[in-house]
PDB file of N, CA and C in Angstrom:
ATOM      1  N   UNK A   1     -12.409  17.534  -4.104  1.00  0.00           N
ATOM      2  CA  UNK A   1     -12.514  16.474  -3.120  1.00  0.00           C
ATOM      3  C   UNK A   1     -11.114  16.089  -2.651  1.00  0.00           C
ATOM      4  N   UNK A   2     -10.952  15.959  -1.358  1.00  0.00           N
ATOM      5  CA  UNK A   2      -9.682  15.534  -0.772  1.00  0.00           C
ATOM      6  C   UNK A   2      -9.735  14.044  -0.473  1.00  0.00           C
ATOM      7  N   UNK A   3      -8.605  13.404  -0.653  1.00  0.00           N
ATOM      8  CA  UNK A   3      -8.475  11.988  -0.370  1.00  0.00           C
ATOM      9  C   UNK A   3      -7.534  11.794   0.805  1.00  0.00           C
ATOM     10  N   UNK A   4      -7.738  10.720   1.535  1.00  0.00           N
ATOM     11  CA  UNK A   4      -6.901  10.406   2.685  1.00  0.00           C
ATOM     12  C   UNK A   4      -5.903   9.322   2.316  1.00  0.00           C
ATOM     13  N   UNK A   5      -4.640   9.592   2.574  1.00  0.00           N
ATOM     14  CA  UNK A   5      -3.571   8.624   2.332  1.00  0.00           C
ATOM     15  C   UNK A   5      -3.199   7.974   3.662  1.00  0.00           C
ATOM     16  N   UNK A   6      -3.038   6.667   3.628  1.00  0.00           N
ATOM     17  CA  UNK A   6      -2.551   5.918   4.786  1.00  0.00           C
ATOM     18  C   UNK A   6      -1.473   4.970   4.300  1.00  0.00           C
ATOM     19  N   UNK A   7      -0.576   4.625   5.192  1.00  0.00           N
ATOM     20  CA  UNK A   7       0.412   3.586   4.896  1.00  0.00           C
ATOM     21  C   UNK A   7       0.634   2.772   6.161  1.00  0.00           C
ATOM     22  N   UNK A   8       0.654   1.462   5.986  1.00  0.00           N
ATOM     23  CA  UNK A   8       0.759   0.547   7.116  1.00  0.00           C
ATOM     24  C   UNK A   8       1.520  -0.699   6.702  1.00  0.00           C
ATOM     25  N   UNK A   9       2.228  -1.310   7.642  1.00  0.00           N
ATOM     26  CA  UNK A   9       2.849  -2.603   7.352  1.00  0.00           C
ATOM     27  C   UNK A   9       1.762  -3.667   7.186  1.00  0.00           C
ATOM     28  N   UNK A  10       1.865  -4.445   6.135  1.00  0.00           N
ATOM     29  CA  UNK A  10       0.895  -5.514   5.863  1.00  0.00           C
ATOM     30  C   UNK A  10       1.626  -6.727   5.311  1.00  0.00           C
ATOM     31  N   UNK A  11       1.024  -7.880   5.483  1.00  0.00           N
ATOM     32  CA  UNK A  11       1.506  -9.077   4.815  1.00  0.00           C
ATOM     33  C   UNK A  11       1.021  -9.033   3.376  1.00  0.00           C
ATOM     34  N   UNK A  12       1.923  -9.304   2.447  1.00  0.00           N
ATOM     35  CA  UNK A  12       1.579  -9.376   1.037  1.00  0.00           C
ATOM     36  C   UNK A  12       1.899 -10.790   0.556  1.00  0.00           C
ATOM     37  N   UNK A  13       0.876 -11.499   0.101  1.00  0.00           N
ATOM     38  CA  UNK A  13       1.061 -12.831  -0.457  1.00  0.00           C
ATOM     39  C   UNK A  13       1.498 -12.696  -1.907  1.00  0.00           C
ATOM     40  N   UNK A  14       2.514 -13.447  -2.269  1.00  0.00           N
ATOM     41  CA  UNK A  14       3.050 -13.386  -3.617  1.00  0.00           C
ATOM     42  C   UNK A  14       2.144 -14.179  -4.564  1.00  0.00           C
ATOM     43  N   UNK A  15       2.489 -14.240  -5.823  1.00  0.00           N
ATOM     44  CA  UNK A  15       1.609 -14.813  -6.840  1.00  0.00           C
ATOM     45  C   UNK A  15       1.204 -16.247  -6.570  1.00  0.00           C
ATOM     46  N   UNK A  16       2.055 -17.028  -5.951  1.00  0.00           N
ATOM     47  CA  UNK A  16       1.698 -18.421  -5.692  1.00  0.00           C
ATOM     48  C   UNK A  16       0.829 -18.574  -4.437  1.00  0.00           C
ATOM     49  N   UNK A  17       0.580 -17.470  -3.732  1.00  0.00           N
ATOM     50  CA  UNK A  17      -0.206 -17.433  -2.495  1.00  0.00           C
ATOM     51  C   UNK A  17       0.352 -18.333  -1.400  1.00  0.00           C
ATOM     52  N   UNK A  18       1.606 -18.753  -1.537  1.00  0.00           N
ATOM     53  CA  UNK A  18       2.265 -19.539  -0.501  1.00  0.00           C
ATOM     54  C   UNK A  18       3.331 -18.707   0.206  1.00  0.00           C
ATOM     55  N   UNK A  19       4.071 -17.940  -0.578  1.00  0.00           N
ATOM     56  CA  UNK A  19       5.103 -17.082   0.002  1.00  0.00           C
ATOM     57  C   UNK A  19       4.488 -15.731   0.339  1.00  0.00           C
ATOM     58  N   UNK A  20       4.935 -15.170   1.438  1.00  0.00           N
ATOM     59  CA  UNK A  20       4.459 -13.841   1.811  1.00  0.00           C
ATOM     60  C   UNK A  20       5.612 -13.049   2.390  1.00  0.00           C
ATOM     61  N   UNK A  21       5.441 -11.725   2.383  1.00  0.00           N
ATOM     62  CA  UNK A  21       6.443 -10.850   2.982  1.00  0.00           C
ATOM     63  C   UNK A  21       5.744  -9.630   3.542  1.00  0.00           C
ATOM     64  N   UNK A  22       6.424  -8.977   4.456  1.00  0.00           N
ATOM     65  CA  UNK A  22       5.880  -7.755   5.044  1.00  0.00           C
ATOM     66  C   UNK A  22       6.312  -6.579   4.177  1.00  0.00           C
ATOM     67  N   UNK A  23       5.338  -5.749   3.830  1.00  0.00           N
ATOM     68  CA  UNK A  23       5.593  -4.563   3.018  1.00  0.00           C
ATOM     69  C   UNK A  23       4.937  -3.353   3.678  1.00  0.00           C
ATOM     70  N   UNK A  24       5.339  -2.189   3.255  1.00  0.00           N
ATOM     71  CA  UNK A  24       4.667  -0.961   3.658  1.00  0.00           C
ATOM     72  C   UNK A  24       3.651  -0.663   2.566  1.00  0.00           C
ATOM     73  N   UNK A  25       2.388  -0.889   2.872  1.00  0.00           N
ATOM     74  CA  UNK A  25       1.332  -0.753   1.873  1.00  0.00           C
ATOM     75  C   UNK A  25       0.697   0.630   1.967  1.00  0.00           C
ATOM     76  N   UNK A  26       0.379   1.182   0.784  1.00  0.00           N
ATOM     77  CA  UNK A  26      -0.224   2.507   0.676  1.00  0.00           C
ATOM     78  C   UNK A  26      -1.682   2.379   0.271  1.00  0.00           C
ATOM     79  N   UNK A  27      -2.524   3.195   0.911  1.00  0.00           N
ATOM     80  CA  UNK A  27      -3.962   3.200   0.666  1.00  0.00           C
ATOM     81  C   UNK A  27      -4.421   4.627   0.396  1.00  0.00           C
ATOM     82  N   UNK A  28      -5.408   4.774  -0.471  1.00  0.00           N
ATOM     83  CA  UNK A  28      -6.088   6.051  -0.634  1.00  0.00           C
ATOM     84  C   UNK A  28      -7.567   5.775  -0.380  1.00  0.00           C
ATOM     85  N   UNK A  29      -8.095   6.425   0.631  1.00  0.00           N
ATOM     86  CA  UNK A  29      -9.477   6.180   1.078  1.00  0.00           C
ATOM     87  C   UNK A  29      -9.753   4.687   1.241  1.00  0.00           C
ATOM     88  N   UNK A  30      -8.781   3.967   1.784  1.00  0.00           N
ATOM     89  CA  UNK A  30      -8.946   2.548   2.072  1.00  0.00           C
ATOM     90  C   UNK A  30      -8.657   1.607   0.919  1.00  0.00           C
ATOM     91  N   UNK A  31      -8.345   2.129  -0.263  1.00  0.00           N
ATOM     92  CA  UNK A  31      -8.070   1.288  -1.433  1.00  0.00           C
ATOM     93  C   UNK A  31      -6.547   1.128  -1.567  1.00  0.00           C
ATOM     94  N   UNK A  32      -6.045  -0.128  -1.521  1.00  0.00           N
ATOM     95  CA  UNK A  32      -4.596  -0.317  -1.676  1.00  0.00           C
ATOM     96  C   UNK A  32      -4.176  -0.033  -3.114  1.00  0.00           C
ATOM     97  N   UNK A  33      -3.039   0.701  -3.284  1.00  0.00           N
ATOM     98  CA  UNK A  33      -2.633   1.029  -4.651  1.00  0.00           C
ATOM     99  C   UNK A  33      -1.168   0.760  -4.942  1.00  0.00           C
ATOM    100  N   UNK A  34      -0.324   0.606  -3.947  1.00  0.00           N
ATOM    101  CA  UNK A  34       1.083   0.263  -4.167  1.00  0.00           C
ATOM    102  C   UNK A  34       1.704  -0.151  -2.840  1.00  0.00           C
ATOM    103  N   UNK A  35       2.964  -0.565  -2.887  1.00  0.00           N
ATOM    104  CA  UNK A  35       3.666  -0.940  -1.671  1.00  0.00           C
ATOM    105  C   UNK A  35       5.164  -0.735  -1.859  1.00  0.00           C
ATOM    106  N   UNK A  36       5.868  -0.633  -0.736  1.00  0.00           N
ATOM    107  CA  UNK A  36       7.330  -0.587  -0.712  1.00  0.00           C
ATOM    108  C   UNK A  36       7.821  -1.779   0.091  1.00  0.00           C
ATOM    109  N   UNK A  37       8.941  -2.356  -0.335  1.00  0.00           N
ATOM    110  CA  UNK A  37       9.570  -3.404   0.453  1.00  0.00           C
ATOM    111  C   UNK A  37      10.136  -2.808   1.727  1.00  0.00           C
ATOM    112  N   UNK A  38      10.132  -3.590   2.785  1.00  0.00           N
ATOM    113  CA  UNK A  38      10.771  -3.186   4.040  1.00  0.00           C
ATOM    114  C   UNK A  38      12.042  -4.004   4.154  1.00  0.00           C
ATOM    115  N   UNK A  39      13.201  -3.339   4.109  1.00  0.00           N
ATOM    116  CA  UNK A  39      14.478  -4.043   4.106  1.00  0.00           C
ATOM    117  C   UNK A  39      15.189  -4.017   5.456  1.00  0.00           C
ATOM    118  N   UNK A  40      14.927  -3.013   6.250  1.00  0.00           N
ATOM    119  CA  UNK A  40      15.610  -2.839   7.528  1.00  0.00           C
ATOM    120  C   UNK A  40      15.047  -3.836   8.545  1.00  0.00           C
ATOM    121  N   UNK A  41      15.904  -4.691   9.098  1.00  0.00           N
ATOM    122  CA  UNK A  41      15.443  -5.730  10.031  1.00  0.00           C
ATOM    123  C   UNK A  41      14.847  -5.127  11.306  1.00  0.00           C
ATOM    124  N   UNK A  42      15.385  -4.000  11.781  1.00  0.00           N
ATOM    125  CA  UNK A  42      14.815  -3.348  12.965  1.00  0.00           C
ATOM    126  C   UNK A  42      13.390  -2.899  12.690  1.00  0.00           C
ATOM    127  N   UNK A  43      13.181  -2.334  11.525  1.00  0.00           N
ATOM    128  CA  UNK A  43      11.847  -1.927  11.122  1.00  0.00           C
ATOM    129  C   UNK A  43      10.973  -3.155  10.912  1.00  0.00           C
ATOM    130  N   UNK A  44      11.556  -4.225  10.405  1.00  0.00           N
ATOM    131  CA  UNK A  44      10.819  -5.453  10.142  1.00  0.00           C
ATOM    132  C   UNK A  44      10.236  -6.028  11.432  1.00  0.00           C
ATOM    133  N   UNK A  45      11.013  -6.020  12.518  1.00  0.00           N
ATOM    134  CA  UNK A  45      10.529  -6.556  13.798  1.00  0.00           C
ATOM    135  C   UNK A  45       9.297  -5.787  14.265  1.00  0.00           C
ATOM    136  N   UNK A  46       9.377  -4.465  14.221  1.00  0.00           N
ATOM    137  CA  UNK A  46       8.254  -3.629  14.620  1.00  0.00           C
ATOM    138  C   UNK A  46       7.067  -3.846  13.681  1.00  0.00           C
ATOM    139  N   UNK A  47       7.357  -3.941  12.411  1.00  0.00           N
ATOM    140  CA  UNK A  47       6.309  -4.069  11.403  1.00  0.00           C
ATOM    141  C   UNK A  47       5.585  -5.405  11.488  1.00  0.00           C
ATOM    142  N   UNK A  48       6.272  -6.450  11.919  1.00  0.00           N
ATOM    143  CA  UNK A  48       5.655  -7.760  12.002  1.00  0.00           C
ATOM    144  C   UNK A  48       4.472  -7.742  12.972  1.00  0.00           C
ATOM    145  N   UNK A  49       4.646  -7.088  14.093  1.00  0.00           N
ATOM    146  CA  UNK A  49       3.553  -6.991  15.063  1.00  0.00           C
ATOM    147  C   UNK A  49       2.346  -6.279  14.445  1.00  0.00           C
ATOM    148  N   UNK A  50       2.611  -5.191  13.767  1.00  0.00           N
ATOM    149  CA  UNK A  50       1.540  -4.426  13.137  1.00  0.00           C
ATOM    150  C   UNK A  50       0.901  -5.216  12.004  1.00  0.00           C
ATOM    151  N   UNK A  51       1.715  -5.854  11.173  1.00  0.00           N
ATOM    152  CA  UNK A  51       1.194  -6.627  10.040  1.00  0.00           C
ATOM    153  C   UNK A  51       0.330  -7.788  10.515  1.00  0.00           C
ATOM    154  N   UNK A  52       0.720  -8.404  11.609  1.00  0.00           N
ATOM    155  CA  UNK A  52      -0.051  -9.541  12.133  1.00  0.00           C
ATOM    156  C   UNK A  52      -1.440  -9.132  12.592  1.00  0.00           C
ATOM    157  N   UNK A  53      -1.602  -7.873  12.953  1.00  0.00           N
ATOM    158  CA  UNK A  53      -2.904  -7.430  13.458  1.00  0.00           C
ATOM    159  C   UNK A  53      -3.768  -6.776  12.374  1.00  0.00           C
ATOM    160  N   UNK A  54      -3.281  -6.752  11.128  1.00  0.00           N
ATOM    161  CA  UNK A  54      -4.019  -6.139  10.024  1.00  0.00           C
ATOM    162  C   UNK A  54      -4.343  -7.166   8.945  1.00  0.00           C
ATOM    163  N   UNK A  55      -5.268  -6.801   8.073  1.00  0.00           N
ATOM    164  CA  UNK A  55      -5.647  -7.646   6.948  1.00  0.00           C
ATOM    165  C   UNK A  55      -4.466  -7.858   6.001  1.00  0.00           C
ATOM    166  N   UNK A  56      -4.343  -9.061   5.459  1.00  0.00           N
ATOM    167  CA  UNK A  56      -3.325  -9.373   4.462  1.00  0.00           C
ATOM    168  C   UNK A  56      -3.869  -9.105   3.064  1.00  0.00           C
ATOM    169  N   UNK A  57      -2.959  -8.917   2.101  1.00  0.00           N
ATOM    170  CA  UNK A  57      -3.347  -8.651   0.722  1.00  0.00           C
ATOM    171  C   UNK A  57      -2.549  -9.527  -0.222  1.00  0.00           C
ATOM    172  N   UNK A  58      -3.021  -9.629  -1.459  1.00  0.00           N
ATOM    173  CA  UNK A  58      -2.310 -10.334  -2.517  1.00  0.00           C
ATOM    174  C   UNK A  58      -1.899  -9.321  -3.578  1.00  0.00           C
ATOM    175  N   UNK A  59      -1.010  -9.746  -4.472  1.00  0.00           N
ATOM    176  CA  UNK A  59      -0.642  -8.876  -5.590  1.00  0.00           C
ATOM    177  C   UNK A  59      -1.861  -8.543  -6.437  1.00  0.00           C
ATOM    178  N   UNK A  60      -2.789  -9.486  -6.532  1.00  0.00           N
ATOM    179  CA  UNK A  60      -4.019  -9.243  -7.287  1.00  0.00           C
ATOM    180  C   UNK A  60      -4.851  -8.123  -6.654  1.00  0.00           C
ATOM    181  N   UNK A  61      -4.883  -8.071  -5.327  1.00  0.00           N
ATOM    182  CA  UNK A  61      -5.602  -6.985  -4.636  1.00  0.00           C
ATOM    183  C   UNK A  61      -5.004  -5.630  -4.990  1.00  0.00           C
ATOM    184  N   UNK A  62      -3.675  -5.563  -5.017  1.00  0.00           N
ATOM    185  CA  UNK A  62      -2.994  -4.309  -5.356  1.00  0.00           C
ATOM    186  C   UNK A  62      -3.298  -3.934  -6.802  1.00  0.00           C
ATOM    187  N   UNK A  63      -3.252  -4.921  -7.686  1.00  0.00           N
ATOM    188  CA  UNK A  63      -3.542  -4.682  -9.106  1.00  0.00           C
ATOM    189  C   UNK A  63      -4.964  -4.146  -9.285  1.00  0.00           C
ATOM    190  N   UNK A  64      -5.918  -4.778  -8.620  1.00  0.00           N
ATOM    191  CA  UNK A  64      -7.321  -4.347  -8.746  1.00  0.00           C
ATOM    192  C   UNK A  64      -7.524  -2.943  -8.190  1.00  0.00           C
ATOM    193  N   UNK A  65      -6.940  -2.671  -7.014  1.00  0.00           N
ATOM    194  CA  UNK A  65      -7.077  -1.345  -6.423  1.00  0.00           C
ATOM    195  C   UNK A  65      -6.441  -0.271  -7.285  1.00  0.00           C
ATOM    196  N   UNK A  66      -5.247  -0.545  -7.781  1.00  0.00           N
ATOM    197  CA  UNK A  66      -4.544   0.410  -8.627  1.00  0.00           C
ATOM    198  C   UNK A  66      -5.293   0.632  -9.944  1.00  0.00           C
ATOM    199  N   UNK A  67      -5.796  -0.447 -10.531  1.00  0.00           N
ATOM    200  CA  UNK A  67      -6.555  -0.331 -11.790  1.00  0.00           C
ATOM    201  C   UNK A  67      -7.822   0.490 -11.601  1.00  0.00           C
ATOM    202  N   UNK A  68      -8.514   0.248 -10.505  1.00  0.00           N
ATOM    203  CA  UNK A  68      -9.732   1.010 -10.217  1.00  0.00           C
ATOM    204  C   UNK A  68      -9.413   2.503 -10.097  1.00  0.00           C
ATOM    205  N   UNK A  69      -8.361   2.818  -9.339  1.00  0.00           N
ATOM    206  CA  UNK A  69      -7.995   4.224  -9.158  1.00  0.00           C
ATOM    207  C   UNK A  69      -7.584   4.878 -10.475  1.00  0.00           C
ATOM    208  N   UNK A  70      -6.895   4.133 -11.342  1.00  0.00           N
ATOM    209  CA  UNK A  70      -6.524   4.688 -12.650  1.00  0.00           C
ATOM    210  C   UNK A  70      -7.769   4.951 -13.488  1.00  0.00           C
ATOM    211  N   UNK A  71      -8.728   4.039 -13.449  1.00  0.00           N
ATOM    212  CA  UNK A  71      -9.945   4.233 -14.257  1.00  0.00           C
ATOM    213  C   UNK A  71     -10.751   5.441 -13.783  1.00  0.00           C
ATOM    214  N   UNK A  72     -10.632   5.770 -12.512  1.00  0.00           N
ATOM    215  CA  UNK A  72     -11.330   6.930 -11.941  1.00  0.00           C
ATOM    216  C   UNK A  72     -10.460   8.186 -11.949  1.00  0.00           C
ATOM    217  N   UNK A  73      -9.255   8.067 -12.524  1.00  0.00           N
ATOM    218  CA  UNK A  73      -8.275   9.160 -12.525  1.00  0.00           C
ATOM    219  C   UNK A  73      -8.034   9.685 -11.110  1.00  0.00           C
ATOM    220  N   UNK A  74      -7.919   8.740 -10.183  1.00  0.00           N
ATOM    221  CA  UNK A  74      -7.717   9.084  -8.784  1.00  0.00           C
ATOM    222  C   UNK A  74      -6.460   8.438  -8.204  1.00  0.00           C
ATOM    223  N   UNK A  75      -5.616   7.881  -9.065  1.00  0.00           N
ATOM    224  CA  UNK A  75      -4.375   7.258  -8.596  1.00  0.00           C
ATOM    225  C   UNK A  75      -3.379   8.373  -8.288  1.00  0.00           C
ATOM    226  N   UNK A  76      -2.964   8.513  -7.028  1.00  0.00           N
ATOM    227  CA  UNK A  76      -2.133   9.666  -6.655  1.00  0.00           C
ATOM    228  C   UNK A  76      -0.727   9.658  -7.238  1.00  0.00           C
ATOM    229  N   UNK A  77      -0.268   8.515  -7.746  1.00  0.00           N
ATOM    230  CA  UNK A  77       1.059   8.471  -8.370  1.00  0.00           C
ATOM    231  C   UNK A  77       1.010   8.830  -9.851  1.00  0.00           C
ATOM    232  N   UNK A  78      -0.190   8.874 -10.417  1.00  0.00           N
ATOM    233  CA  UNK A  78      -0.326   9.111 -11.853  1.00  0.00           C
ATOM    234  C   UNK A  78      -1.116  10.365 -12.201  1.00  0.00           C
ATOM    235  N   UNK A  79      -1.959  10.813 -11.281  1.00  0.00           N
ATOM    236  CA  UNK A  79      -2.830  11.961 -11.550  1.00  0.00           C
ATOM    237  C   UNK A  79      -2.656  12.996 -10.451  1.00  0.00           C
ATOM    238  N   UNK A  80      -2.977  14.234 -10.776  1.00  0.00           N
ATOM    239  CA  UNK A  80      -2.903  15.319  -9.807  1.00  0.00           C
ATOM    240  C   UNK A  80      -4.138  15.246  -8.912  1.00  0.00           C
ATOM    241  N   UNK A  81      -3.979  14.561  -7.796  1.00  0.00           N
ATOM    242  CA  UNK A  81      -5.087  14.320  -6.869  1.00  0.00           C
ATOM    243  C   UNK A  81      -4.789  15.068  -5.578  1.00  0.00           C
ATOM    244  N   UNK A  82      -5.756  15.789  -5.064  1.00  0.00           N
ATOM    245  CA  UNK A  82      -5.580  16.502  -3.801  1.00  0.00           C
ATOM    246  C   UNK A  82      -5.709  15.498  -2.660  1.00  0.00           C
ATOM    247  N   UNK A  83      -4.612  15.353  -1.907  1.00  0.00           N
ATOM    248  CA  UNK A  83      -4.601  14.391  -0.804  1.00  0.00           C
ATOM    249  C   UNK A  83      -4.229  15.092   0.488  1.00  0.00           C
ATOM    250  N   UNK A  84      -4.816  14.607   1.565  1.00  0.00           N
ATOM    251  CA  UNK A  84      -4.390  15.029   2.891  1.00  0.00           C
ATOM    252  C   UNK A  84      -3.073  14.317   3.186  1.00  0.00           C
ATOM    253  N   UNK A  85      -2.133  14.992   3.747  1.00  0.00           N
ATOM    254  CA  UNK A  85      -0.830  14.439   4.123  1.00  0.00           C
ATOM    255  C   UNK A  85      -0.068  13.851   2.936  1.00  0.00           C
ATOM    256  N   UNK A  86       0.247  14.672   1.946  1.00  0.00           N
ATOM    257  CA  UNK A  86       0.986  14.174   0.781  1.00  0.00           C
ATOM    258  C   UNK A  86       2.368  13.623   1.146  1.00  0.00           C
ATOM    259  N   UNK A  87       2.874  13.958   2.313  1.00  0.00           N
ATOM    260  CA  UNK A  87       4.176  13.426   2.742  1.00  0.00           C
ATOM    261  C   UNK A  87       4.129  11.914   2.970  1.00  0.00           C
ATOM    262  N   UNK A  88       2.933  11.354   3.055  1.00  0.00           N
ATOM    263  CA  UNK A  88       2.792   9.902   3.227  1.00  0.00           C
ATOM    264  C   UNK A  88       2.854   9.132   1.911  1.00  0.00           C
ATOM    265  N   UNK A  89       2.824   9.846   0.776  1.00  0.00           N
ATOM    266  CA  UNK A  89       2.892   9.178  -0.520  1.00  0.00           C
ATOM    267  C   UNK A  89       4.264   8.555  -0.727  1.00  0.00           C
ATOM    268  N   UNK A  90       4.342   7.511  -1.557  1.00  0.00           N
ATOM    269  CA  UNK A  90       5.656   6.926  -1.861  1.00  0.00           C
ATOM    270  C   UNK A  90       6.578   7.982  -2.476  1.00  0.00           C
ATOM    271  N   UNK A  91       7.852   7.900  -2.191  1.00  0.00           N
ATOM    272  CA  UNK A  91       8.783   8.925  -2.665  1.00  0.00           C
ATOM    273  C   UNK A  91       9.266   8.661  -4.077  1.00  0.00           C
ATOM    274  N   UNK A  92       9.130   7.453  -4.580  1.00  0.00           N
ATOM    275  CA  UNK A  92       9.689   7.097  -5.897  1.00  0.00           C
ATOM    276  C   UNK A  92       8.678   7.090  -7.015  1.00  0.00           C
ATOM    277  N   UNK A  93       7.683   7.915  -6.962  1.00  0.00           N
ATOM    278  CA  UNK A  93       6.706   7.888  -8.057  1.00  0.00           C
ATOM    279  C   UNK A  93       6.898   9.039  -8.992  1.00  0.00           C
TER     280      UNK A  93
END
């Protein structure tokens, strides 16, 4: 079975659910599993428009998605999973 990887700028609410930041969030078949910080301000401006038009997530959402994928041995950073477009995976895993 092949899985689809996507990555998009999203708002991520921090643990207190008051502070938020824009991150590059990674999904496998629609399940969020990790994110990268966006540090470049030029990228941040572009990403803000995209993040504003997409669903926001919390750290708990990432934890739940990642935990689910690990329990199914489908987490692409931890298991050998066949994915479409592996170049979209995070580079630091």
